[in-house]
N, C-alpha and C. Protein backbone atom coordinates (compact mmCIF):
# COMPACT_ATOMS: atom_id res chain seq x y z
N MET A 1 0.82 -1.19 0.00
CA MET A 1 0.00 0.00 0.00
C MET A 1 0.87 1.26 0.00
N GLU A 2 0.37 2.31 -0.61
CA GLU A 2 1.12 3.57 -0.71
C GLU A 2 1.30 4.23 0.65
N SER A 3 0.29 4.17 1.52
CA SER A 3 0.40 4.83 2.83
C SER A 3 1.39 4.11 3.73
N ASP A 4 1.59 2.79 3.55
CA ASP A 4 2.56 2.05 4.35
C ASP A 4 3.99 2.44 4.01
N LYS A 5 4.17 2.98 2.83
CA LYS A 5 5.51 3.37 2.39
C LYS A 5 6.11 4.42 3.32
N TYR A 6 5.29 5.33 3.83
CA TYR A 6 5.78 6.41 4.68
C TYR A 6 5.58 6.14 6.16
N ALA A 7 4.95 5.03 6.51
CA ALA A 7 4.59 4.77 7.90
C ALA A 7 5.81 4.59 8.80
N ASN A 8 6.87 3.99 8.30
CA ASN A 8 8.03 3.70 9.14
C ASN A 8 9.14 4.73 9.01
N MET A 9 8.91 5.80 8.26
CA MET A 9 9.94 6.82 8.09
C MET A 9 9.87 7.82 9.24
N ASP A 10 11.03 8.22 9.73
CA ASP A 10 11.03 9.25 10.75
C ASP A 10 10.87 10.62 10.09
N PRO A 11 10.55 11.67 10.86
CA PRO A 11 10.28 12.98 10.26
C PRO A 11 11.44 13.54 9.43
N ASP A 12 12.69 13.25 9.81
CA ASP A 12 13.81 13.75 9.02
C ASP A 12 13.85 13.11 7.64
N GLU A 13 13.52 11.83 7.55
CA GLU A 13 13.49 11.17 6.25
C GLU A 13 12.32 11.67 5.41
N LEU A 14 11.20 11.96 6.05
CA LEU A 14 10.04 12.47 5.32
C LEU A 14 10.32 13.82 4.69
N ARG A 15 11.15 14.64 5.35
CA ARG A 15 11.47 15.96 4.82
C ARG A 15 12.43 15.87 3.63
N ASN A 16 13.14 14.75 3.47
CA ASN A 16 14.15 14.63 2.45
C ASN A 16 13.67 13.72 1.32
N LEU A 17 12.59 14.09 0.68
CA LEU A 17 12.09 13.33 -0.45
C LEU A 17 12.75 13.87 -1.71
N GLY A 18 13.30 12.99 -2.52
CA GLY A 18 14.19 13.31 -3.62
C GLY A 18 13.80 14.43 -4.55
N GLU A 19 12.61 14.39 -5.16
CA GLU A 19 12.29 15.37 -6.20
C GLU A 19 12.15 16.78 -5.65
N TYR A 20 12.03 16.93 -4.34
CA TYR A 20 11.93 18.25 -3.75
C TYR A 20 13.28 18.80 -3.34
N ASP A 21 14.34 18.09 -3.67
CA ASP A 21 15.66 18.51 -3.25
C ASP A 21 16.55 18.88 -4.43
N THR A 22 15.95 19.18 -5.57
CA THR A 22 16.75 19.57 -6.72
C THR A 22 17.05 21.07 -6.66
N ILE A 23 18.07 21.47 -7.39
CA ILE A 23 18.47 22.88 -7.41
C ILE A 23 17.34 23.74 -7.98
N ALA A 24 16.72 23.28 -9.07
CA ALA A 24 15.67 24.07 -9.70
C ALA A 24 14.46 24.21 -8.78
N PHE A 25 14.04 23.13 -8.14
CA PHE A 25 12.88 23.21 -7.26
C PHE A 25 13.15 24.13 -6.08
N ARG A 26 14.33 24.00 -5.49
CA ARG A 26 14.66 24.86 -4.35
C ARG A 26 14.74 26.32 -4.75
N THR A 27 15.29 26.59 -5.93
CA THR A 27 15.40 27.97 -6.41
C THR A 27 14.03 28.58 -6.66
N PHE A 28 13.18 27.86 -7.40
CA PHE A 28 11.87 28.41 -7.74
C PHE A 28 10.96 28.50 -6.53
N SER A 29 11.05 27.55 -5.60
CA SER A 29 10.20 27.65 -4.41
C SER A 29 10.68 28.79 -3.51
N GLY A 30 12.00 28.99 -3.43
CA GLY A 30 12.52 30.11 -2.64
C GLY A 30 12.14 31.45 -3.25
N ALA A 31 12.26 31.54 -4.58
CA ALA A 31 11.91 32.79 -5.25
C ALA A 31 10.41 33.05 -5.18
N GLY A 32 9.61 32.01 -5.38
CA GLY A 32 8.16 32.19 -5.37
C GLY A 32 7.61 32.58 -4.02
N SER A 33 8.05 31.90 -2.97
CA SER A 33 7.55 32.23 -1.63
C SER A 33 8.05 33.60 -1.19
N SER A 34 9.28 33.95 -1.56
CA SER A 34 9.81 35.27 -1.22
C SER A 34 9.08 36.37 -1.99
N PHE A 35 8.76 36.09 -3.26
CA PHE A 35 7.99 37.05 -4.05
C PHE A 35 6.63 37.31 -3.41
N LEU A 36 5.98 36.24 -2.98
CA LEU A 36 4.68 36.38 -2.33
C LEU A 36 4.79 37.20 -1.04
N ALA A 37 5.79 36.89 -0.22
CA ALA A 37 5.98 37.64 1.03
C ALA A 37 6.29 39.11 0.73
N GLY A 38 7.13 39.36 -0.27
CA GLY A 38 7.45 40.74 -0.64
C GLY A 38 6.25 41.50 -1.16
N THR A 39 5.41 40.83 -1.92
CA THR A 39 4.20 41.47 -2.45
C THR A 39 3.26 41.86 -1.32
N ILE A 40 3.11 40.98 -0.35
CA ILE A 40 2.25 41.28 0.81
C ILE A 40 2.84 42.45 1.59
N LEU A 41 4.14 42.44 1.82
CA LEU A 41 4.78 43.55 2.53
C LEU A 41 4.66 44.84 1.72
N GLY A 42 4.75 44.75 0.41
CA GLY A 42 4.58 45.93 -0.44
C GLY A 42 3.18 46.49 -0.33
N ALA A 43 2.17 45.63 -0.24
CA ALA A 43 0.80 46.10 -0.08
C ALA A 43 0.62 46.82 1.26
N ILE A 44 1.23 46.27 2.30
CA ILE A 44 1.15 46.92 3.62
C ILE A 44 1.86 48.27 3.59
N THR A 45 3.03 48.31 2.97
CA THR A 45 3.79 49.57 2.89
C THR A 45 3.02 50.60 2.08
N ALA A 46 2.38 50.18 1.00
CA ALA A 46 1.64 51.11 0.15
C ALA A 46 0.47 51.73 0.89
N THR A 47 -0.12 51.01 1.83
CA THR A 47 -1.24 51.60 2.59
C THR A 47 -0.77 52.68 3.53
N TRP A 48 0.49 52.65 3.93
CA TRP A 48 1.01 53.65 4.86
C TRP A 48 1.56 54.88 4.16
N GLN A 49 1.72 54.82 2.85
CA GLN A 49 2.27 55.95 2.12
C GLN A 49 1.15 56.86 1.65
N ASP A 50 1.55 58.06 1.26
CA ASP A 50 0.58 59.03 0.77
C ASP A 50 -0.01 58.57 -0.55
N VAL A 51 -1.28 58.76 -0.68
CA VAL A 51 -1.98 58.44 -1.93
C VAL A 51 -1.78 59.61 -2.87
N PRO A 52 -1.44 59.36 -4.15
CA PRO A 52 -1.25 60.47 -5.07
C PRO A 52 -2.57 61.19 -5.33
N ALA A 53 -2.46 62.46 -5.61
CA ALA A 53 -3.66 63.25 -5.91
C ALA A 53 -4.29 62.76 -7.20
N VAL A 54 -5.59 62.77 -7.21
CA VAL A 54 -6.31 62.33 -8.41
C VAL A 54 -6.15 63.41 -9.47
N GLU A 55 -5.65 62.99 -10.61
CA GLU A 55 -5.43 63.94 -11.70
C GLU A 55 -6.47 63.68 -12.79
N ARG A 56 -6.61 64.67 -13.62
CA ARG A 56 -7.54 64.53 -14.73
C ARG A 56 -7.00 63.54 -15.76
N ASN A 57 -7.87 62.76 -16.33
CA ASN A 57 -7.53 61.80 -17.36
C ASN A 57 -6.55 60.72 -16.90
N VAL A 58 -6.45 60.50 -15.62
CA VAL A 58 -5.59 59.44 -15.10
C VAL A 58 -6.48 58.47 -14.33
N ALA A 59 -6.52 57.25 -14.77
CA ALA A 59 -7.39 56.27 -14.14
C ALA A 59 -6.68 55.61 -12.96
N LEU A 60 -7.32 55.65 -11.84
CA LEU A 60 -6.90 54.93 -10.64
C LEU A 60 -5.42 55.15 -10.26
N PRO A 61 -5.03 56.37 -9.95
CA PRO A 61 -3.62 56.62 -9.63
C PRO A 61 -3.16 55.91 -8.36
N ALA A 62 -4.05 55.79 -7.37
CA ALA A 62 -3.66 55.12 -6.13
C ALA A 62 -3.44 53.63 -6.37
N LEU A 63 -4.28 53.02 -7.18
CA LEU A 63 -4.14 51.60 -7.48
C LEU A 63 -2.85 51.33 -8.26
N ARG A 64 -2.53 52.20 -9.19
CA ARG A 64 -1.29 52.05 -9.95
C ARG A 64 -0.06 52.16 -9.05
N LYS A 65 -0.09 53.14 -8.15
CA LYS A 65 1.04 53.31 -7.24
C LYS A 65 1.17 52.12 -6.31
N THR A 66 0.06 51.63 -5.81
CA THR A 66 0.08 50.44 -4.95
C THR A 66 0.63 49.25 -5.70
N GLY A 67 0.20 49.04 -6.92
CA GLY A 67 0.71 47.94 -7.73
C GLY A 67 2.20 48.05 -8.00
N ARG A 68 2.67 49.26 -8.24
CA ARG A 68 4.10 49.49 -8.47
C ARG A 68 4.91 49.17 -7.23
N ILE A 69 4.44 49.59 -6.08
CA ILE A 69 5.15 49.32 -4.82
C ILE A 69 5.15 47.82 -4.54
N MET A 70 4.00 47.18 -4.72
CA MET A 70 3.92 45.74 -4.49
C MET A 70 4.86 44.98 -5.43
N GLY A 71 4.92 45.40 -6.69
CA GLY A 71 5.82 44.76 -7.65
C GLY A 71 7.28 44.95 -7.30
N ASN A 72 7.64 46.16 -6.88
CA ASN A 72 9.03 46.41 -6.50
C ASN A 72 9.46 45.56 -5.31
N TYR A 73 8.62 45.55 -4.28
CA TYR A 73 8.94 44.73 -3.11
C TYR A 73 8.96 43.25 -3.48
N GLY A 74 7.98 42.80 -4.25
CA GLY A 74 7.91 41.40 -4.63
C GLY A 74 9.12 40.96 -5.44
N LEU A 75 9.52 41.76 -6.41
CA LEU A 75 10.69 41.40 -7.22
C LEU A 75 11.97 41.41 -6.41
N THR A 76 12.11 42.38 -5.51
CA THR A 76 13.31 42.43 -4.68
C THR A 76 13.38 41.21 -3.76
N PHE A 77 12.29 40.93 -3.07
CA PHE A 77 12.27 39.78 -2.17
C PHE A 77 12.43 38.47 -2.95
N GLY A 78 11.78 38.38 -4.12
CA GLY A 78 11.90 37.18 -4.94
C GLY A 78 13.33 36.95 -5.40
N ALA A 79 14.01 38.01 -5.79
CA ALA A 79 15.41 37.88 -6.20
C ALA A 79 16.28 37.45 -5.02
N ILE A 80 16.03 38.02 -3.85
CA ILE A 80 16.82 37.65 -2.67
C ILE A 80 16.59 36.17 -2.32
N GLY A 81 15.33 35.76 -2.27
CA GLY A 81 15.03 34.36 -1.94
C GLY A 81 15.54 33.38 -2.98
N GLY A 82 15.40 33.73 -4.25
CA GLY A 82 15.87 32.86 -5.32
C GLY A 82 17.38 32.72 -5.34
N ILE A 83 18.09 33.83 -5.19
CA ILE A 83 19.55 33.80 -5.17
C ILE A 83 20.06 33.04 -3.95
N PHE A 84 19.41 33.24 -2.81
CA PHE A 84 19.82 32.50 -1.60
C PHE A 84 19.66 31.00 -1.83
N ALA A 85 18.48 30.58 -2.29
CA ALA A 85 18.22 29.15 -2.47
C ALA A 85 19.13 28.55 -3.54
N PHE A 86 19.33 29.27 -4.64
CA PHE A 86 20.19 28.77 -5.71
C PHE A 86 21.62 28.61 -5.23
N THR A 87 22.16 29.64 -4.58
CA THR A 87 23.54 29.59 -4.13
C THR A 87 23.74 28.51 -3.08
N GLU A 88 22.80 28.39 -2.16
CA GLU A 88 22.91 27.35 -1.13
C GLU A 88 22.86 25.96 -1.75
N ALA A 89 21.96 25.74 -2.71
CA ALA A 89 21.83 24.43 -3.36
C ALA A 89 23.06 24.10 -4.18
N VAL A 90 23.59 25.08 -4.92
CA VAL A 90 24.78 24.83 -5.72
C VAL A 90 25.99 24.57 -4.82
N ALA A 91 26.13 25.33 -3.75
CA ALA A 91 27.24 25.11 -2.82
C ALA A 91 27.15 23.71 -2.19
N GLU A 92 25.95 23.31 -1.84
CA GLU A 92 25.75 21.97 -1.27
C GLU A 92 26.10 20.89 -2.29
N SER A 93 25.73 21.11 -3.54
CA SER A 93 26.01 20.15 -4.59
C SER A 93 27.51 20.06 -4.89
N VAL A 94 28.17 21.21 -4.96
CA VAL A 94 29.60 21.25 -5.28
C VAL A 94 30.42 20.70 -4.11
N ARG A 95 30.10 21.11 -2.90
CA ARG A 95 30.86 20.70 -1.73
C ARG A 95 30.52 19.28 -1.27
N GLY A 96 29.31 18.82 -1.59
CA GLY A 96 28.92 17.47 -1.22
C GLY A 96 28.51 17.29 0.22
N LYS A 97 28.20 18.36 0.93
CA LYS A 97 27.75 18.25 2.31
C LYS A 97 26.82 19.39 2.67
N LYS A 98 25.95 19.11 3.66
CA LYS A 98 25.02 20.11 4.17
C LYS A 98 25.59 20.66 5.47
N ASP A 99 25.98 21.91 5.46
CA ASP A 99 26.47 22.54 6.68
C ASP A 99 26.21 24.04 6.63
N VAL A 100 26.67 24.74 7.65
CA VAL A 100 26.38 26.17 7.75
C VAL A 100 27.09 27.01 6.70
N TRP A 101 28.15 26.48 6.12
CA TRP A 101 28.88 27.26 5.12
C TRP A 101 28.06 27.46 3.85
N ASN A 102 27.23 26.48 3.51
CA ASN A 102 26.36 26.65 2.36
C ASN A 102 25.39 27.80 2.60
N SER A 103 24.82 27.85 3.80
CA SER A 103 23.90 28.94 4.14
C SER A 103 24.62 30.28 4.18
N ALA A 104 25.85 30.28 4.66
CA ALA A 104 26.62 31.53 4.70
C ALA A 104 26.86 32.06 3.29
N LEU A 105 27.20 31.16 2.37
CA LEU A 105 27.40 31.58 0.98
C LEU A 105 26.09 32.09 0.38
N GLY A 106 24.99 31.39 0.66
CA GLY A 106 23.69 31.83 0.16
C GLY A 106 23.29 33.18 0.72
N GLY A 107 23.53 33.38 2.01
CA GLY A 107 23.21 34.66 2.64
C GLY A 107 24.05 35.80 2.07
N ALA A 108 25.32 35.53 1.83
CA ALA A 108 26.19 36.57 1.26
C ALA A 108 25.74 36.94 -0.16
N ALA A 109 25.37 35.93 -0.94
CA ALA A 109 24.90 36.21 -2.30
C ALA A 109 23.57 36.97 -2.27
N ALA A 110 22.68 36.59 -1.36
CA ALA A 110 21.39 37.28 -1.25
C ALA A 110 21.58 38.72 -0.79
N GLY A 111 22.49 38.95 0.13
CA GLY A 111 22.75 40.31 0.59
C GLY A 111 23.32 41.20 -0.50
N SER A 112 24.06 40.59 -1.42
CA SER A 112 24.62 41.40 -2.51
C SER A 112 23.52 41.96 -3.41
N ILE A 113 22.36 41.31 -3.44
CA ILE A 113 21.23 41.82 -4.23
C ILE A 113 20.80 43.19 -3.68
N LEU A 114 20.79 43.32 -2.36
CA LEU A 114 20.43 44.62 -1.77
C LEU A 114 21.45 45.69 -2.12
N GLY A 115 22.72 45.30 -2.20
CA GLY A 115 23.75 46.25 -2.61
C GLY A 115 23.59 46.68 -4.06
N LEU A 116 23.25 45.72 -4.91
CA LEU A 116 23.01 46.07 -6.32
C LEU A 116 21.80 46.98 -6.45
N ARG A 117 20.77 46.71 -5.67
CA ARG A 117 19.55 47.54 -5.72
C ARG A 117 19.84 48.96 -5.25
N ALA A 118 20.66 49.08 -4.19
CA ALA A 118 21.00 50.41 -3.67
C ALA A 118 22.06 51.10 -4.54
N GLY A 119 22.84 50.31 -5.28
CA GLY A 119 23.89 50.88 -6.12
C GLY A 119 25.11 51.33 -5.35
N LYS A 120 25.30 50.78 -4.15
CA LYS A 120 26.43 51.19 -3.31
C LYS A 120 27.14 49.95 -2.79
N LEU A 121 28.46 49.93 -2.92
CA LEU A 121 29.26 48.80 -2.47
C LEU A 121 29.20 48.58 -0.96
N PRO A 122 29.31 49.64 -0.14
CA PRO A 122 29.24 49.41 1.31
C PRO A 122 27.91 48.80 1.76
N VAL A 123 26.83 49.21 1.12
CA VAL A 123 25.52 48.63 1.46
C VAL A 123 25.51 47.15 1.11
N GLY A 124 26.05 46.81 -0.04
CA GLY A 124 26.11 45.42 -0.47
C GLY A 124 26.95 44.56 0.45
N LEU A 125 28.10 45.08 0.85
CA LEU A 125 28.97 44.32 1.76
C LEU A 125 28.33 44.14 3.13
N GLY A 126 27.72 45.20 3.64
CA GLY A 126 27.05 45.10 4.94
C GLY A 126 25.86 44.16 4.91
N ALA A 127 25.06 44.25 3.85
CA ALA A 127 23.90 43.37 3.73
C ALA A 127 24.34 41.92 3.53
N ALA A 128 25.40 41.71 2.75
CA ALA A 128 25.90 40.34 2.54
C ALA A 128 26.38 39.74 3.86
N ALA A 129 27.10 40.53 4.65
CA ALA A 129 27.58 40.03 5.94
C ALA A 129 26.41 39.79 6.90
N ALA A 130 25.44 40.68 6.92
CA ALA A 130 24.30 40.53 7.82
C ALA A 130 23.45 39.31 7.46
N LEU A 131 23.14 39.13 6.18
CA LEU A 131 22.33 37.99 5.79
C LEU A 131 23.09 36.68 5.94
N ALA A 132 24.39 36.68 5.71
CA ALA A 132 25.19 35.47 5.94
C ALA A 132 25.17 35.11 7.42
N ALA A 133 25.30 36.11 8.29
CA ALA A 133 25.27 35.85 9.73
C ALA A 133 23.91 35.32 10.16
N CYS A 134 22.83 35.90 9.64
CA CYS A 134 21.48 35.42 9.97
C CYS A 134 21.29 33.98 9.52
N ALA A 135 21.76 33.65 8.32
CA ALA A 135 21.61 32.29 7.81
C ALA A 135 22.39 31.29 8.66
N VAL A 136 23.58 31.67 9.10
CA VAL A 136 24.38 30.79 9.95
C VAL A 136 23.71 30.60 11.30
N ILE A 137 23.15 31.65 11.86
CA ILE A 137 22.46 31.54 13.16
C ILE A 137 21.25 30.63 13.05
N VAL A 138 20.48 30.76 11.98
CA VAL A 138 19.31 29.90 11.79
C VAL A 138 19.74 28.45 11.61
N ASP A 139 20.79 28.21 10.81
CA ASP A 139 21.28 26.84 10.62
C ASP A 139 21.83 26.26 11.91
N ALA A 140 22.56 27.06 12.66
CA ALA A 140 23.14 26.57 13.92
C ALA A 140 22.05 26.26 14.94
N GLY A 141 20.93 26.94 14.85
CA GLY A 141 19.82 26.70 15.77
C GLY A 141 18.93 25.55 15.35
N GLY A 142 19.27 24.83 14.30
CA GLY A 142 18.48 23.69 13.88
C GLY A 142 17.33 24.05 12.96
N GLN A 143 17.31 25.23 12.40
CA GLN A 143 16.28 25.70 11.48
C GLN A 143 14.88 25.64 12.07
N THR A 144 14.77 25.92 13.33
CA THR A 144 13.46 25.94 13.98
C THR A 144 13.44 27.02 15.04
N VAL A 145 12.26 27.49 15.37
CA VAL A 145 12.16 28.53 16.39
C VAL A 145 11.63 27.98 17.71
N ARG A 146 11.37 26.69 17.77
CA ARG A 146 10.93 26.08 19.02
C ARG A 146 11.56 24.72 19.18
N THR A 147 11.60 24.26 20.40
CA THR A 147 12.22 22.97 20.67
C THR A 147 11.26 21.85 20.29
N PRO A 148 11.80 20.74 19.79
CA PRO A 148 10.91 19.64 19.40
C PRO A 148 10.28 18.98 20.62
N THR A 149 9.01 18.65 20.49
CA THR A 149 8.28 18.01 21.59
C THR A 149 8.14 16.52 21.40
N GLY A 150 8.50 16.03 20.22
CA GLY A 150 8.36 14.62 19.95
C GLY A 150 7.00 14.25 19.39
N ARG A 151 6.10 15.21 19.33
CA ARG A 151 4.76 14.96 18.78
C ARG A 151 4.72 15.35 17.32
N GLU A 152 3.97 14.59 16.56
CA GLU A 152 3.75 14.93 15.16
C GLU A 152 2.38 15.57 15.06
N TYR A 153 2.29 16.60 14.27
CA TYR A 153 1.01 17.26 14.04
C TYR A 153 0.60 17.00 12.61
N LEU A 154 -0.18 15.95 12.44
CA LEU A 154 -0.67 15.55 11.13
C LEU A 154 -2.16 15.82 11.05
N PRO A 155 -2.68 16.01 9.84
CA PRO A 155 -4.13 16.26 9.74
C PRO A 155 -4.94 15.08 10.24
N TYR A 156 -4.44 13.87 10.02
CA TYR A 156 -5.11 12.67 10.53
C TYR A 156 -4.05 11.81 11.21
N PRO A 157 -4.26 11.41 12.45
CA PRO A 157 -3.24 10.62 13.13
C PRO A 157 -3.08 9.25 12.46
N ARG A 158 -1.84 8.74 12.52
CA ARG A 158 -1.58 7.43 11.93
C ARG A 158 -2.23 6.32 12.75
N THR A 159 -2.24 6.49 14.04
CA THR A 159 -2.90 5.53 14.92
C THR A 159 -3.80 6.30 15.86
N ASN A 160 -4.81 5.68 16.34
CA ASN A 160 -5.74 6.33 17.25
C ASN A 160 -5.19 6.20 18.67
N PRO A 161 -4.80 7.30 19.32
CA PRO A 161 -4.21 7.21 20.67
C PRO A 161 -5.23 6.84 21.74
N ASP A 162 -6.51 6.96 21.43
CA ASP A 162 -7.53 6.64 22.43
C ASP A 162 -7.82 5.15 22.52
N LEU A 163 -7.37 4.37 21.57
CA LEU A 163 -7.65 2.92 21.57
C LEU A 163 -6.65 2.14 22.34
């Protein structure tokens, strides 16, 4: 049975299913989720900014400005997430191991995107160092924000604990 295939796997093995660990999948999922997060943040930022004055013969100036801000934030975040995921995956593939150095390289590459966007080398170097440090801290902490309790939270339990 198909469901028995995953019954004896521990959670770490379940997270490492082959087709989800390719460079292309990791890059596109990182870029896509980051684009979505950036677009949402752009919408929030646009609500806090001044709405342009309504001009004659201009349709929906506030909506256009909001869309522009959302697009800018989305593309920036998408580029950062995509470059991070791509660099980390390529470093892991080339080096042949999963460790904090892959994340540090990904963070440095992602931070350089902010430097390119700002057009200033010091901003790029600072952002690269900051994002590399954040990536190393997250990796060193086990990539989680809470301690494991040993419980699995599945939509349907594998066995009924009441029986």
